[in-house]
Amino acid sequence: MEFNLPERAQNSHKGTFGKVLNIAGSRYMPGAAYLSSVAALKIGAGYCFLAAENNVINAVAAQTQNVVFLPEFSWVDHIEDFGVISIGCGLSTSKDAKWNVEKVLKYSKVPTVIDADGLNILAGLKLPDIPANTILTPHPAEAARLLRTTVDDITRDLEKNAKNISEIYNCVTVLKSHNTVVCSKDLEIYVNHTGNSALAKAGSGDVLTGIIAGLLAQKAAPYDAAKLGVYIHGLCGESASKKLSEYSVMASDLIDEIPNVINQNS
């Protein structure tokens, strides 16, 4: 895997590197909104706007001054302002969450990353039309819901099932596992070999969503953003575990390692 980050022009401003709209978080999972938002910025996006309920905004605002906040439903009126949408991290499957997912599916015209509860909501819909440049990032249980099968069937053949998701949903698929499988819309397969057990921690997938969204904001093509995203995410796990052990790495530690991974591979 080549470490080809999007080029970064010196004659630039924050708008040059893209605006991510992140629709994430819920009453009991505000941390997912923080992790996915900050990871997008740390990988190089110019802006990250978080659309969330007030208690999530308050929780994230207490941790960072780097995110721009939007009331939960107001993003629809400003959708043309964003270059990337990510949705689902810690979102829950409430009525309001379903409204947000359905509106993204209906109105998004930009690269879109759907993760976590966004996938669970998507799996419950009659097969919808999804935005043209969509990346789905399921773990095996979420993949099983998308394909209406069992986790055992998914893990029996990850490559086949990643292809099935890409074919059915006309998307790039990131099927997360020990060796994550990325499948393009054209059914090309990339198997990632970075990472270790440090990534098996709550919030790790939220960081991955943010990394992929941030790369998309910098104009990486969806398949390239997905491949490089999982590669960098794995390297962050390896780097963090050298300092903290594979036992003690938390999702926020992965974000802290993004600059080190970039410097070591650039």
Protein backbone atom coordinates (compact mmCIF):
# COMPACT_ATOMS: atom_id res chain seq x y z
CA MET A 1 0.00 0.00 0.00
CA GLU A 2 1.47 3.36 -1.04
CA PHE A 3 1.21 6.17 1.50
CA ASN A 4 -0.12 8.83 -0.87
CA LEU A 5 -1.78 11.58 1.10
CA PRO A 6 -3.61 14.28 -0.90
CA GLU A 7 -1.18 17.02 -1.89
CA ARG A 8 -1.24 20.08 0.33
CA ALA A 9 -0.71 23.36 -1.51
CA GLN A 10 1.06 26.10 0.43
CA ASN A 11 -1.04 28.78 -1.27
CA SER A 12 -4.21 27.67 0.49
CA HIS A 13 -6.80 28.43 3.15
CA LYS A 14 -9.10 26.37 5.33
CA GLY A 15 -11.68 26.07 2.57
CA THR A 16 -9.06 24.51 0.31
CA PHE A 17 -9.03 21.35 2.39
CA GLY A 18 -12.74 20.79 2.54
CA LYS A 19 -15.77 20.96 4.79
CA VAL A 20 -16.99 17.80 6.49
CA LEU A 21 -20.52 17.60 7.82
CA ASN A 22 -20.56 14.98 10.58
CA ILE A 23 -23.99 13.90 11.81
CA ALA A 24 -23.18 11.91 14.91
CA GLY A 25 -23.69 11.31 18.61
CA SER A 26 -26.64 10.79 20.90
CA ARG A 27 -27.46 11.20 24.56
CA TYR A 28 -25.53 8.13 25.67
CA MET A 29 -22.80 8.23 23.01
CA PRO A 30 -21.47 11.79 22.68
CA GLY A 31 -17.90 10.48 22.54
CA ALA A 32 -18.47 9.03 19.08
CA ALA A 33 -19.27 12.52 17.80
CA TYR A 34 -16.06 13.89 19.31
CA LEU A 35 -13.82 11.12 17.97
CA SER A 36 -15.17 11.15 14.42
CA SER A 37 -15.11 14.95 14.21
CA VAL A 38 -11.61 15.49 15.58
CA ALA A 39 -10.14 12.64 13.50
CA ALA A 40 -11.38 14.34 10.31
CA LEU A 41 -9.53 17.52 11.29
CA LYS A 42 -6.39 15.72 12.43
CA ILE A 43 -5.99 14.01 9.05
CA GLY A 44 -6.17 17.39 7.34
CA ALA A 45 -9.74 18.54 6.65
CA GLY A 46 -10.17 22.30 6.79
CA TYR A 47 -13.45 22.28 8.69
CA CYS A 48 -15.61 19.79 10.53
CA PHE A 49 -19.21 20.77 11.27
CA LEU A 50 -20.98 18.57 13.81
CA ALA A 51 -24.77 18.35 13.55
CA ALA A 52 -26.10 16.91 16.79
CA GLU A 53 -28.57 17.31 19.60
CA ASN A 54 -27.75 19.97 22.19
CA ASN A 55 -26.42 17.66 24.89
CA VAL A 56 -23.96 16.15 22.39
CA ILE A 57 -22.83 19.59 21.25
CA ASN A 58 -22.30 20.63 24.87
CA ALA A 59 -20.26 17.49 25.61
CA VAL A 60 -18.06 17.87 22.54
CA ALA A 61 -17.62 21.62 23.06
CA ALA A 62 -16.26 20.89 26.52
CA GLN A 63 -13.49 18.79 24.93
CA THR A 64 -12.48 20.78 21.85
CA GLN A 65 -12.70 24.27 20.40
CA ASN A 66 -11.91 23.05 16.89
CA VAL A 67 -15.33 21.86 15.72
CA VAL A 68 -18.16 24.02 14.35
CA PHE A 69 -21.60 23.11 15.68
CA LEU A 70 -24.99 22.96 13.99
CA PRO A 71 -28.38 22.26 15.56
CA GLU A 72 -29.40 18.70 14.80
CA PHE A 73 -31.78 19.28 11.88
CA SER A 74 -30.53 22.58 10.46
CA TRP A 75 -27.92 20.97 8.22
CA VAL A 76 -30.49 20.19 5.53
CA ASP A 77 -30.84 23.91 4.77
CA HIS A 78 -27.07 24.21 4.27
CA ILE A 79 -26.25 20.88 2.61
CA GLU A 80 -24.75 22.51 -0.49
CA ASP A 81 -22.06 24.09 1.70
CA PHE A 82 -20.37 20.76 2.48
CA GLY A 83 -17.97 18.66 0.43
CA VAL A 84 -18.35 15.47 2.46
CA ILE A 85 -20.98 13.99 4.76
CA SER A 86 -20.36 11.37 7.42
CA ILE A 87 -23.25 9.95 9.41
CA GLY A 88 -23.91 7.31 12.00
CA CYS A 89 -21.22 7.34 14.68
CA GLY A 90 -23.04 6.98 18.01
CA LEU A 91 -26.22 8.22 16.36
CA SER A 92 -28.66 5.67 17.87
CA THR A 93 -31.64 4.34 15.92
CA SER A 94 -34.18 6.81 17.28
CA LYS A 95 -36.88 8.46 15.20
CA ASP A 96 -34.72 11.56 14.84
CA ALA A 97 -31.70 9.49 13.79
CA LYS A 98 -33.76 7.77 11.11
CA TRP A 99 -34.91 11.19 9.86
CA ASN A 100 -31.30 12.28 9.50
CA VAL A 101 -30.26 9.14 7.61
CA GLU A 102 -33.22 9.33 5.25
CA LYS A 103 -32.50 12.99 4.48
CA VAL A 104 -28.84 12.24 3.76
CA LEU A 105 -29.85 9.46 1.40
CA LYS A 106 -32.27 11.79 -0.33
CA TYR A 107 -30.26 14.99 -0.57
CA SER A 108 -26.54 14.23 -0.46
CA LYS A 109 -24.74 14.91 -3.74
CA VAL A 110 -21.24 14.57 -2.26
CA PRO A 111 -19.06 11.70 -1.02
CA THR A 112 -20.82 10.18 1.98
CA VAL A 113 -19.54 7.85 4.71
CA ILE A 114 -22.16 5.78 6.54
CA ASP A 115 -21.09 3.97 9.71
CA ALA A 116 -22.47 2.34 12.85
CA ASP A 117 -26.11 3.22 13.54
CA GLY A 118 -26.34 4.78 10.11
CA LEU A 119 -25.77 1.28 8.74
CA ASN A 120 -28.29 -0.25 11.13
CA ILE A 121 -30.91 2.24 9.95
CA LEU A 122 -29.96 1.66 6.31
CA ALA A 123 -30.35 -2.11 6.79
CA GLY A 124 -33.93 -1.57 7.94
CA LEU A 125 -34.96 0.32 4.82
CA LYS A 126 -36.28 -1.15 1.61
CA LEU A 127 -33.21 -1.09 -0.65
CA PRO A 128 -32.73 2.65 -1.12
CA ASP A 129 -30.90 4.69 -3.70
CA ILE A 130 -27.79 5.96 -1.97
CA PRO A 131 -25.50 8.85 -2.89
CA ALA A 132 -23.25 8.07 -5.86
CA ASN A 133 -19.93 8.21 -3.97
CA THR A 134 -20.87 6.43 -0.77
CA ILE A 135 -18.59 4.43 1.52
CA LEU A 136 -20.19 1.93 3.91
CA THR A 137 -18.00 0.87 6.86
CA PRO A 138 -19.63 -2.15 8.55
CA HIS A 139 -18.18 -4.56 11.06
CA PRO A 140 -19.38 -8.17 10.58
CA ALA A 141 -22.59 -7.76 12.61
CA GLU A 142 -23.57 -4.67 10.64
CA ALA A 143 -22.65 -6.39 7.40
CA ALA A 144 -24.89 -9.29 8.38
CA ARG A 145 -27.79 -6.86 8.81
CA LEU A 146 -27.11 -5.24 5.44
CA LEU A 147 -27.07 -8.63 3.71
CA ARG A 148 -29.76 -10.19 5.90
CA THR A 149 -27.57 -13.10 6.87
CA THR A 150 -25.54 -14.26 9.88
CA VAL A 151 -22.26 -13.05 11.33
CA ASP A 152 -20.82 -16.54 10.80
CA ASP A 153 -21.66 -16.31 7.12
CA ILE A 154 -20.00 -12.90 6.88
CA THR A 155 -16.77 -13.97 8.60
CA ARG A 156 -16.59 -17.19 6.58
CA ASP A 157 -15.72 -15.19 3.46
CA LEU A 158 -15.05 -11.50 4.04
CA GLU A 159 -14.00 -10.76 0.48
CA LYS A 160 -17.11 -12.30 -1.03
CA ASN A 161 -19.37 -10.44 1.35
CA ALA A 162 -17.61 -7.13 0.85
CA LYS A 163 -18.22 -7.60 -2.87
CA ASN A 164 -21.87 -8.46 -2.19
CA ILE A 165 -22.39 -5.22 -0.25
CA SER A 166 -20.64 -3.13 -2.91
CA GLU A 167 -22.69 -4.73 -5.66
CA ILE A 168 -26.06 -4.46 -3.91
CA TYR A 169 -25.59 -0.92 -2.58
CA ASN A 170 -23.43 0.40 -5.44
CA CYS A 171 -20.82 1.68 -3.00
CA VAL A 172 -17.30 1.30 -1.68
CA THR A 173 -17.33 -1.16 1.23
CA VAL A 174 -14.97 -1.21 4.20
CA LEU A 175 -15.66 -4.54 5.91
CA LYS A 176 -13.82 -4.22 9.20
CA SER A 177 -11.99 -7.20 10.67
CA HIS A 178 -8.50 -8.25 11.75
CA ASN A 179 -7.53 -7.78 8.10
CA THR A 180 -10.06 -5.22 6.90
CA VAL A 181 -11.35 -5.75 3.36
CA VAL A 182 -12.00 -2.73 1.14
CA CYS A 183 -14.05 -3.29 -2.01
CA SER A 184 -14.56 -0.73 -4.76
CA LYS A 185 -17.78 -0.16 -6.69
CA ASP A 186 -16.09 -2.10 -9.51
CA LEU A 187 -15.47 -4.99 -7.08
CA GLU A 188 -11.72 -4.48 -6.82
CA ILE A 189 -10.41 -5.80 -3.49
CA TYR A 190 -7.77 -4.43 -1.13
CA VAL A 191 -6.95 -6.35 2.06
CA ASN A 192 -5.32 -4.27 4.79
CA HIS A 193 -2.55 -5.73 6.95
CA THR A 194 -1.76 -2.88 9.35
CA GLY A 195 -3.10 -2.78 12.89
CA ASN A 196 -3.27 -5.03 15.92
CA SER A 197 -5.52 -5.82 18.89
CA ALA A 198 -5.18 -2.22 20.14
CA LEU A 199 -7.89 -1.34 17.61
CA ALA A 200 -10.37 -3.64 19.33
CA LYS A 201 -11.67 -0.87 21.56
CA ALA A 202 -14.88 1.16 21.64
CA GLY A 203 -14.57 4.29 19.50
CA SER A 204 -11.91 2.91 17.15
CA GLY A 205 -14.39 2.74 14.27
CA ASP A 206 -15.46 6.34 14.89
CA VAL A 207 -11.85 7.43 14.41
CA LEU A 208 -11.68 5.47 11.15
CA THR A 209 -14.84 7.18 9.89
CA GLY A 210 -13.32 10.58 10.65
CA ILE A 211 -10.05 9.70 8.92
CA ILE A 212 -11.84 8.57 5.76
CA ALA A 213 -14.12 11.62 5.77
CA GLY A 214 -11.12 13.93 6.20
CA LEU A 215 -9.33 12.35 3.26
CA LEU A 216 -12.45 12.70 1.14
CA ALA A 217 -12.64 16.38 2.09
CA GLN A 218 -9.17 16.78 0.58
CA LYS A 219 -10.46 15.36 -2.73
CA ALA A 220 -9.23 11.79 -2.39
CA ALA A 221 -11.35 9.44 -4.50
CA PRO A 222 -13.68 7.25 -2.38
CA TYR A 223 -11.85 3.95 -2.96
CA ASP A 224 -8.46 5.59 -2.39
CA ALA A 225 -9.71 7.34 0.76
CA ALA A 226 -11.06 4.07 2.12
CA LYS A 227 -7.85 2.14 1.45
CA LEU A 228 -5.54 4.82 2.82
CA GLY A 229 -7.87 5.43 5.76
CA VAL A 230 -7.78 1.84 6.99
CA TYR A 231 -4.03 1.70 6.38
CA ILE A 232 -3.36 4.82 8.45
CA HIS A 233 -5.82 3.73 11.13
CA GLY A 234 -3.95 0.45 11.51
CA LEU A 235 -0.58 2.21 11.69
CA CYS A 236 -1.98 4.45 14.43
CA GLY A 237 -2.88 1.35 16.43
CA GLU A 238 0.61 -0.05 15.99
CA SER A 239 2.27 3.25 16.90
CA ALA A 240 0.12 3.83 19.98
CA SER A 241 0.64 0.30 21.27
CA LYS A 242 4.41 0.75 21.25
CA LYS A 243 3.95 3.46 23.88
CA LEU A 244 0.91 2.21 25.74
CA SER A 245 0.74 -1.57 25.04
CA GLU A 246 -1.99 -3.22 23.00
CA TYR A 247 -4.04 -3.46 26.20
CA SER A 248 -4.19 0.22 27.07
CA VAL A 249 -4.72 2.09 23.80
CA MET A 250 -7.96 4.07 23.73
CA ALA A 251 -9.64 5.50 20.65
CA SER A 252 -8.48 9.02 21.47
CA ASP A 253 -4.87 7.73 21.48
CA LEU A 254 -5.31 6.75 17.83
CA ILE A 255 -6.07 10.37 16.96
CA ASP A 256 -2.95 11.49 18.81
CA GLU A 257 -0.87 9.14 16.65
CA ILE A 258 -2.08 10.48 13.29
CA PRO A 259 0.65 13.19 13.09
CA ASN A 260 3.35 10.68 14.00
CA VAL A 261 2.19 8.23 11.36
CA ILE A 262 2.12 10.99 8.73
CA ASN A 263 5.59 12.22 9.63
CA GLN A 264 7.05 8.70 9.62
CA ASN A 265 5.62 7.87 6.21
CA SER A 266 5.86 11.15 4.30
